[in-house]
Amino acid sequence: MKMTIVSIFDRAAALYSRPAFVGSRAAAVRSFGDEVRTPRENNDLNKHPGDFELHALGFFDDETGELIAQKPERITFGMDHVQS
C-alpha cells in the first residue's frame, strides 16, 4: 500500500513534527482537524491553531519499502478546523 507521509509544521517554532504515515490525505486532514478541535490541557493545536499547518512530505510503499520524498506541501491550516 502506498501511504502518505505527513508532518505538522509549527510556524511559531519553525519546526516540523515527527512524520506520520497515513492511508490517505483525507484521513490525515480528519485526524488533524479532530486534534485542533479537542480541548485538552497540553493540546497546543487546540490552544494555538493559527500556529499549525499539516504538510505532505511524500509517500512510502509498504510492499516495496520505497520512500519517495517531496518538498513539503501544505495540505491545510489549523484555523481551517476551528468551529465558530
PDB file of N, CA and C in Angstrom:
ATOM      1  N   MET A   1       0.840  -1.175   0.000  1.00  0.00           N
ATOM      2  CA  MET A   1       0.000   0.000   0.000  1.00  0.00           C
ATOM      3  C   MET A   1       0.891   1.247   0.000  1.00  0.00           C
ATOM      4  N   LYS A   2       0.530   2.206  -0.801  1.00  0.00           N
ATOM      5  CA  LYS A   2       1.266   3.468  -0.841  1.00  0.00           C
ATOM      6  C   LYS A   2       0.661   4.400   0.200  1.00  0.00           C
ATOM      7  N   MET A   3       1.467   4.774   1.183  1.00  0.00           N
ATOM      8  CA  MET A   3       0.996   5.625   2.267  1.00  0.00           C
ATOM      9  C   MET A   3       1.546   7.039   2.099  1.00  0.00           C
ATOM     10  N   THR A   4       0.771   8.011   2.539  1.00  0.00           N
ATOM     11  CA  THR A   4       1.204   9.402   2.507  1.00  0.00           C
ATOM     12  C   THR A   4       1.969   9.719   3.789  1.00  0.00           C
ATOM     13  N   ILE A   5       3.073  10.429   3.638  1.00  0.00           N
ATOM     14  CA  ILE A   5       3.860  10.871   4.793  1.00  0.00           C
ATOM     15  C   ILE A   5       3.467  12.310   5.093  1.00  0.00           C
ATOM     16  N   VAL A   6       3.046  12.565   6.330  1.00  0.00           N
ATOM     17  CA  VAL A   6       2.623  13.904   6.727  1.00  0.00           C
ATOM     18  C   VAL A   6       3.381  14.356   7.969  1.00  0.00           C
ATOM     19  N   SER A   7       3.393  15.669   8.164  1.00  0.00           N
ATOM     20  CA  SER A   7       4.017  16.261   9.348  1.00  0.00           C
ATOM     21  C   SER A   7       3.281  17.552   9.659  1.00  0.00           C
ATOM     22  N   ILE A   8       3.219  17.885  10.932  1.00  0.00           N
ATOM     23  CA  ILE A   8       2.619  19.156  11.344  1.00  0.00           C
ATOM     24  C   ILE A   8       3.732  20.180  11.500  1.00  0.00           C
ATOM     25  N   PHE A   9       3.577  21.296  10.808  1.00  0.00           N
ATOM     26  CA  PHE A   9       4.548  22.374  10.893  1.00  0.00           C
ATOM     27  C   PHE A   9       4.075  23.394  11.915  1.00  0.00           C
ATOM     28  N   ASP A  10       4.926  23.693  12.884  1.00  0.00           N
ATOM     29  CA  ASP A  10       4.649  24.695  13.910  1.00  0.00           C
ATOM     30  C   ASP A  10       5.305  25.996  13.454  1.00  0.00           C
ATOM     31  N   ARG A  11       4.488  26.925  12.994  1.00  0.00           N
ATOM     32  CA  ARG A  11       5.008  28.188  12.460  1.00  0.00           C
ATOM     33  C   ARG A  11       5.697  29.018  13.533  1.00  0.00           C
ATOM     34  N   ALA A  12       5.222  28.971  14.760  1.00  0.00           N
ATOM     35  CA  ALA A  12       5.824  29.767  15.840  1.00  0.00           C
ATOM     36  C   ALA A  12       7.230  29.260  16.169  1.00  0.00           C
ATOM     37  N   ALA A  13       7.413  27.952  16.181  1.00  0.00           N
ATOM     38  CA  ALA A  13       8.711  27.356  16.497  1.00  0.00           C
ATOM     39  C   ALA A  13       9.557  27.124  15.242  1.00  0.00           C
ATOM     40  N   ALA A  14       8.939  27.231  14.069  1.00  0.00           N
ATOM     41  CA  ALA A  14       9.606  26.967  12.781  1.00  0.00           C
ATOM     42  C   ALA A  14      10.197  25.556  12.739  1.00  0.00           C
ATOM     43  N   LEU A  15       9.376  24.576  13.192  1.00  0.00           N
ATOM     44  CA  LEU A  15       9.801  23.177  13.241  1.00  0.00           C
ATOM     45  C   LEU A  15       8.696  22.260  12.735  1.00  0.00           C
ATOM     46  N   TYR A  16       9.102  21.144  12.134  1.00  0.00           N
ATOM     47  CA  TYR A  16       8.169  20.096  11.726  1.00  0.00           C
ATOM     48  C   TYR A  16       8.119  19.018  12.802  1.00  0.00           C
ATOM     49  N   SER A  17       6.949  18.416  12.984  1.00  0.00           N
ATOM     50  CA  SER A  17       6.818  17.289  13.918  1.00  0.00           C
ATOM     51  C   SER A  17       7.401  16.027  13.281  1.00  0.00           C
ATOM     52  N   ARG A  18       7.560  15.002  14.086  1.00  0.00           N
ATOM     53  CA  ARG A  18       7.994  13.703  13.581  1.00  0.00           C
ATOM     54  C   ARG A  18       6.973  13.238  12.541  1.00  0.00           C
ATOM     55  N   PRO A  19       7.413  12.773  11.371  1.00  0.00           N
ATOM     56  CA  PRO A  19       6.480  12.349  10.318  1.00  0.00           C
ATOM     57  C   PRO A  19       5.587  11.190  10.752  1.00  0.00           C
ATOM     58  N   ALA A  20       4.395  11.163  10.155  1.00  0.00           N
ATOM     59  CA  ALA A  20       3.437  10.079  10.364  1.00  0.00           C
ATOM     60  C   ALA A  20       3.074   9.500   8.998  1.00  0.00           C
ATOM     61  N   PHE A  21       2.737   8.233   8.967  1.00  0.00           N
ATOM     62  CA  PHE A  21       2.358   7.538   7.742  1.00  0.00           C
ATOM     63  C   PHE A  21       0.853   7.260   7.815  1.00  0.00           C
ATOM     64  N   VAL A  22       0.108   7.755   6.821  1.00  0.00           N
ATOM     65  CA  VAL A  22      -1.348   7.628   6.828  1.00  0.00           C
ATOM     66  C   VAL A  22      -1.823   7.041   5.499  1.00  0.00           C
ATOM     67  N   GLY A  23      -3.006   6.440   5.542  1.00  0.00           N
ATOM     68  CA  GLY A  23      -3.558   5.805   4.351  1.00  0.00           C
ATOM     69  C   GLY A  23      -3.958   6.776   3.262  1.00  0.00           C
ATOM     70  N   SER A  24      -4.325   7.993   3.645  1.00  0.00           N
ATOM     71  CA  SER A  24      -4.742   8.983   2.652  1.00  0.00           C
ATOM     72  C   SER A  24      -4.639  10.388   3.237  1.00  0.00           C
ATOM     73  N   ARG A  25      -4.619  11.369   2.355  1.00  0.00           N
ATOM     74  CA  ARG A  25      -4.617  12.761   2.813  1.00  0.00           C
ATOM     75  C   ARG A  25      -5.900  13.072   3.570  1.00  0.00           C
ATOM     76  N   ALA A  26      -7.013  12.529   3.084  1.00  0.00           N
ATOM     77  CA  ALA A  26      -8.302  12.796   3.737  1.00  0.00           C
ATOM     78  C   ALA A  26      -8.288  12.315   5.185  1.00  0.00           C
ATOM     79  N   ALA A  27      -7.709  11.145   5.432  1.00  0.00           N
ATOM     80  CA  ALA A  27      -7.613  10.624   6.803  1.00  0.00           C
ATOM     81  C   ALA A  27      -6.719  11.524   7.649  1.00  0.00           C
ATOM     82  N   ALA A  28      -5.638  12.018   7.059  1.00  0.00           N
ATOM     83  CA  ALA A  28      -4.732  12.915   7.794  1.00  0.00           C
ATOM     84  C   ALA A  28      -5.430  14.222   8.143  1.00  0.00           C
ATOM     85  N   VAL A  29      -6.189  14.772   7.206  1.00  0.00           N
ATOM     86  CA  VAL A  29      -6.913  16.022   7.454  1.00  0.00           C
ATOM     87  C   VAL A  29      -7.940  15.822   8.560  1.00  0.00           C
ATOM     88  N   ARG A  30      -8.651  14.693   8.535  1.00  0.00           N
ATOM     89  CA  ARG A  30      -9.652  14.414   9.574  1.00  0.00           C
ATOM     90  C   ARG A  30      -8.997  14.322  10.950  1.00  0.00           C
ATOM     91  N   SER A  31      -7.889  13.602  11.065  1.00  0.00           N
ATOM     92  CA  SER A  31      -7.203  13.470  12.351  1.00  0.00           C
ATOM     93  C   SER A  31      -6.662  14.804  12.840  1.00  0.00           C
ATOM     94  N   PHE A  32      -6.068  15.566  11.930  1.00  0.00           N
ATOM     95  CA  PHE A  32      -5.543  16.891  12.271  1.00  0.00           C
ATOM     96  C   PHE A  32      -6.676  17.789  12.766  1.00  0.00           C
ATOM     97  N   GLY A  33      -7.787  17.808  12.043  1.00  0.00           N
ATOM     98  CA  GLY A  33      -8.943  18.617  12.447  1.00  0.00           C
ATOM     99  C   GLY A  33      -9.498  18.205  13.793  1.00  0.00           C
ATOM    100  N   ASP A  34      -9.559  16.896  14.042  1.00  0.00           N
ATOM    101  CA  ASP A  34     -10.038  16.404  15.342  1.00  0.00           C
ATOM    102  C   ASP A  34      -9.147  16.910  16.468  1.00  0.00           C
ATOM    103  N   GLU A  35      -7.828  16.889  16.260  1.00  0.00           N
ATOM    104  CA  GLU A  35      -6.900  17.378  17.288  1.00  0.00           C
ATOM    105  C   GLU A  35      -7.066  18.878  17.519  1.00  0.00           C
ATOM    106  N   VAL A  36      -7.227  19.627  16.460  1.00  0.00           N
ATOM    107  CA  VAL A  36      -7.411  21.082  16.592  1.00  0.00           C
ATOM    108  C   VAL A  36      -8.657  21.386  17.423  1.00  0.00           C
ATOM    109  N   ARG A  37      -9.708  20.589  17.250  1.00  0.00           N
ATOM    110  CA  ARG A  37     -10.980  20.852  17.944  1.00  0.00           C
ATOM    111  C   ARG A  37     -11.080  20.220  19.329  1.00  0.00           C
ATOM    112  N   THR A  38     -10.074  19.456  19.763  1.00  0.00           N
ATOM    113  CA  THR A  38     -10.154  18.755  21.046  1.00  0.00           C
ATOM    114  C   THR A  38      -9.446  19.532  22.154  1.00  0.00           C
ATOM    115  N   PRO A  39     -10.218  20.116  23.076  1.00  0.00           N
ATOM    116  CA  PRO A  39      -9.579  20.843  24.182  1.00  0.00           C
ATOM    117  C   PRO A  39      -9.020  19.875  25.226  1.00  0.00           C
ATOM    118  N   ARG A  40      -7.727  19.973  25.444  1.00  0.00           N
ATOM    119  CA  ARG A  40      -7.039  19.221  26.490  1.00  0.00           C
ATOM    120  C   ARG A  40      -5.969  20.131  27.056  1.00  0.00           C
ATOM    121  N   GLU A  41      -5.537  19.846  28.248  1.00  0.00           N
ATOM    122  CA  GLU A  41      -4.568  20.697  28.944  1.00  0.00           C
ATOM    123  C   GLU A  41      -3.296  20.933  28.132  1.00  0.00           C
ATOM    124  N   ASN A  42      -2.733  19.893  27.539  1.00  0.00           N
ATOM    125  CA  ASN A  42      -1.456  20.019  26.826  1.00  0.00           C
ATOM    126  C   ASN A  42      -1.610  19.981  25.306  1.00  0.00           C
ATOM    127  N   ASN A  43      -2.763  20.353  24.791  1.00  0.00           N
ATOM    128  CA  ASN A  43      -3.005  20.294  23.343  1.00  0.00           C
ATOM    129  C   ASN A  43      -2.733  21.659  22.713  1.00  0.00           C
ATOM    130  N   ASP A  44      -1.509  21.866  22.259  1.00  0.00           N
ATOM    131  CA  ASP A  44      -1.141  23.143  21.643  1.00  0.00           C
ATOM    132  C   ASP A  44      -1.887  23.399  20.342  1.00  0.00           C
ATOM    133  N   LEU A  45      -2.249  22.357  19.611  1.00  0.00           N
ATOM    134  CA  LEU A  45      -3.015  22.559  18.372  1.00  0.00           C
ATOM    135  C   LEU A  45      -4.356  23.232  18.675  1.00  0.00           C
ATOM    136  N   ASN A  46      -4.978  22.829  19.774  1.00  0.00           N
ATOM    137  CA  ASN A  46      -6.253  23.427  20.169  1.00  0.00           C
ATOM    138  C   ASN A  46      -6.063  24.827  20.729  1.00  0.00           C
ATOM    139  N   LYS A  47      -4.995  25.041  21.475  1.00  0.00           N
ATOM    140  CA  LYS A  47      -4.755  26.340  22.104  1.00  0.00           C
ATOM    141  C   LYS A  47      -4.270  27.393  21.111  1.00  0.00           C
ATOM    142  N   HIS A  48      -3.519  26.972  20.092  1.00  0.00           N
ATOM    143  CA  HIS A  48      -2.903  27.911  19.141  1.00  0.00           C
ATOM    144  C   HIS A  48      -3.075  27.414  17.703  1.00  0.00           C
ATOM    145  N   PRO A  49      -4.307  27.220  17.230  1.00  0.00           N
ATOM    146  CA  PRO A  49      -4.500  26.628  15.902  1.00  0.00           C
ATOM    147  C   PRO A  49      -3.885  27.450  14.771  1.00  0.00           C
ATOM    148  N   GLY A  50      -3.731  28.740  14.965  1.00  0.00           N
ATOM    149  CA  GLY A  50      -3.132  29.583  13.933  1.00  0.00           C
ATOM    150  C   GLY A  50      -1.642  29.340  13.734  1.00  0.00           C
ATOM    151  N   ASP A  51      -1.023  28.624  14.647  1.00  0.00           N
ATOM    152  CA  ASP A  51       0.413  28.344  14.551  1.00  0.00           C
ATOM    153  C   ASP A  51       0.728  27.064  13.776  1.00  0.00           C
ATOM    154  N   PHE A  52      -0.288  26.278  13.438  1.00  0.00           N
ATOM    155  CA  PHE A  52      -0.030  24.947  12.891  1.00  0.00           C
ATOM    156  C   PHE A  52      -0.597  24.735  11.498  1.00  0.00           C
ATOM    157  N   GLU A  53       0.157  23.953  10.707  1.00  0.00           N
ATOM    158  CA  GLU A  53      -0.233  23.571   9.358  1.00  0.00           C
ATOM    159  C   GLU A  53       0.079  22.089   9.173  1.00  0.00           C
ATOM    160  N   LEU A  54      -0.747  21.394   8.407  1.00  0.00           N
ATOM    161  CA  LEU A  54      -0.479  20.000   8.063  1.00  0.00           C
ATOM    162  C   LEU A  54       0.175  19.971   6.686  1.00  0.00           C
ATOM    163  N   HIS A  55       1.317  19.278   6.583  1.00  0.00           N
ATOM    164  CA  HIS A  55       2.064  19.200   5.324  1.00  0.00           C
ATOM    165  C   HIS A  55       2.233  17.757   4.875  1.00  0.00           C
ATOM    166  N   ALA A  56       2.228  17.553   3.555  1.00  0.00           N
ATOM    167  CA  ALA A  56       2.589  16.267   2.960  1.00  0.00           C
ATOM    168  C   ALA A  56       4.082  16.312   2.664  1.00  0.00           C
ATOM    169  N   LEU A  57       4.783  15.215   2.985  1.00  0.00           N
ATOM    170  CA  LEU A  57       6.231  15.138   2.772  1.00  0.00           C
ATOM    171  C   LEU A  57       6.625  14.096   1.731  1.00  0.00           C
ATOM    172  N   GLY A  58       5.656  13.310   1.249  1.00  0.00           N
ATOM    173  CA  GLY A  58       5.962  12.293   0.255  1.00  0.00           C
ATOM    174  C   GLY A  58       5.142  11.035   0.458  1.00  0.00           C
ATOM    175  N   PHE A  59       5.712   9.899   0.012  1.00  0.00           N
ATOM    176  CA  PHE A  59       4.998   8.629   0.057  1.00  0.00           C
ATOM    177  C   PHE A  59       5.923   7.505   0.528  1.00  0.00           C
ATOM    178  N   PHE A  60       5.316   6.468   1.091  1.00  0.00           N
ATOM    179  CA  PHE A  60       6.028   5.256   1.478  1.00  0.00           C
ATOM    180  C   PHE A  60       5.227   4.070   0.983  1.00  0.00           C
ATOM    181  N   ASP A  61       5.869   3.178   0.260  1.00  0.00           N
ATOM    182  CA  ASP A  61       5.213   1.965  -0.233  1.00  0.00           C
ATOM    183  C   ASP A  61       5.597   0.823   0.704  1.00  0.00           C
ATOM    184  N   ASP A  62       4.631   0.311   1.463  1.00  0.00           N
ATOM    185  CA  ASP A  62       4.952  -0.726   2.454  1.00  0.00           C
ATOM    186  C   ASP A  62       5.164  -2.105   1.838  1.00  0.00           C
ATOM    187  N   GLU A  63       4.935  -2.260   0.537  1.00  0.00           N
ATOM    188  CA  GLU A  63       5.210  -3.531  -0.138  1.00  0.00           C
ATOM    189  C   GLU A  63       6.633  -3.581  -0.690  1.00  0.00           C
ATOM    190  N   THR A  64       7.132  -2.433  -1.152  1.00  0.00           N
ATOM    191  CA  THR A  64       8.465  -2.404  -1.760  1.00  0.00           C
ATOM    192  C   THR A  64       9.511  -1.750  -0.861  1.00  0.00           C
ATOM    193  N   GLY A  65       9.059  -1.026   0.161  1.00  0.00           N
ATOM    194  CA  GLY A  65       9.977  -0.293   1.030  1.00  0.00           C
ATOM    195  C   GLY A  65      10.454   1.012   0.425  1.00  0.00           C
ATOM    196  N   GLU A  66       9.920   1.363  -0.736  1.00  0.00           N
ATOM    197  CA  GLU A  66      10.332   2.593  -1.415  1.00  0.00           C
ATOM    198  C   GLU A  66       9.800   3.821  -0.681  1.00  0.00           C
ATOM    199  N   LEU A  67      10.681   4.773  -0.497  1.00  0.00           N
ATOM    200  CA  LEU A  67      10.353   6.035   0.144  1.00  0.00           C
ATOM    201  C   LEU A  67      10.554   7.139  -0.890  1.00  0.00           C
ATOM    202  N   ILE A  68       9.502   7.890  -1.151  1.00  0.00           N
ATOM    203  CA  ILE A  68       9.560   8.968  -2.143  1.00  0.00           C
ATOM    204  C   ILE A  68       9.332  10.282  -1.415  1.00  0.00           C
ATOM    205  N   ALA A  69      10.404  11.047  -1.286  1.00  0.00           N
ATOM    206  CA  ALA A  69      10.308  12.341  -0.597  1.00  0.00           C
ATOM    207  C   ALA A  69       9.911  13.422  -1.592  1.00  0.00           C
ATOM    208  N   GLN A  70       9.284  14.462  -1.075  1.00  0.00           N
ATOM    209  CA  GLN A  70       8.939  15.623  -1.879  1.00  0.00           C
ATOM    210  C   GLN A  70       9.139  16.870  -1.039  1.00  0.00           C
ATOM    211  N   LYS A  71       9.181  17.999  -1.684  1.00  0.00           N
ATOM    212  CA  LYS A  71       9.221  19.266  -0.972  1.00  0.00           C
ATOM    213  C   LYS A  71       7.939  19.376  -0.147  1.00  0.00           C
ATOM    214  N   PRO A  72       8.010  19.816   1.114  1.00  0.00           N
ATOM    215  CA  PRO A  72       6.802  19.918   1.924  1.00  0.00           C
ATOM    216  C   PRO A  72       5.711  20.728   1.221  1.00  0.00           C
ATOM    217  N   GLU A  73       4.505  20.146   1.229  1.00  0.00           N
ATOM    218  CA  GLU A  73       3.343  20.768   0.585  1.00  0.00           C
ATOM    219  C   GLU A  73       2.239  20.941   1.628  1.00  0.00           C
ATOM    220  N   ARG A  74       1.828  22.181   1.851  1.00  0.00           N
ATOM    221  CA  ARG A  74       0.770  22.428   2.838  1.00  0.00           C
ATOM    222  C   ARG A  74      -0.541  21.825   2.345  1.00  0.00           C
ATOM    223  N   ILE A  75      -1.187  21.081   3.233  1.00  0.00           N
ATOM    224  CA  ILE A  75      -2.486  20.483   2.936  1.00  0.00           C
ATOM    225  C   ILE A  75      -3.602  21.338   3.528  1.00  0.00           C
ATOM    226  N   THR A  76      -3.419  21.765   4.786  1.00  0.00           N
ATOM    227  CA  THR A  76      -4.456  22.545   5.466  1.00  0.00           C
ATOM    228  C   THR A  76      -3.845  23.332   6.619  1.00  0.00           C
ATOM    229  N   PHE A  77      -4.535  24.371   7.016  1.00  0.00           N
ATOM    230  CA  PHE A  77      -4.157  25.209   8.166  1.00  0.00           C
ATOM    231  C   PHE A  77      -4.962  24.785   9.388  1.00  0.00           C
ATOM    232  N   GLY A  78      -4.400  24.978  10.582  1.00  0.00           N
ATOM    233  CA  GLY A  78      -5.132  24.703  11.806  1.00  0.00           C
ATOM    234  C   GLY A  78      -6.403  25.529  11.921  1.00  0.00           C
ATOM    235  N   MET A  79      -6.335  26.781  11.509  1.00  0.00           N
ATOM    236  CA  MET A  79      -7.507  27.662  11.622  1.00  0.00           C
ATOM    237  C   MET A  79      -8.675  27.216  10.734  1.00  0.00           C
ATOM    238  N   ASP A  80      -8.398  26.398   9.711  1.00  0.00           N
ATOM    239  CA  ASP A  80      -9.469  25.883   8.862  1.00  0.00           C
ATOM    240  C   ASP A  80     -10.393  24.937   9.615  1.00  0.00           C
ATOM    241  N   HIS A  81      -9.962  24.492  10.781  1.00  0.00           N
ATOM    242  CA  HIS A  81     -10.720  23.491  11.538  1.00  0.00           C
ATOM    243  C   HIS A  81     -11.311  24.015  12.845  1.00  0.00           C
ATOM    244  N   VAL A  82     -11.198  25.318  13.045  1.00  0.00           N
ATOM    245  CA  VAL A  82     -11.760  25.940  14.232  1.00  0.00           C
ATOM    246  C   VAL A  82     -13.250  26.178  13.985  1.00  0.00           C
ATOM    247  N   GLN A  83     -14.064  25.680  14.900  1.00  0.00           N
ATOM    248  CA  GLN A  83     -15.511  25.874  14.760  1.00  0.00           C
ATOM    249  C   GLN A  83     -15.890  27.228  15.317  1.00  0.00           C
ATOM    250  N   SER A  84     -16.683  27.966  14.555  1.00  0.00           N
ATOM    251  CA  SER A  84     -17.100  29.295  15.033  1.00  0.00           C
ATOM    252  C   SER A  84     -18.495  29.270  15.612  1.00  0.00           C
TER     253      SER A  84
END
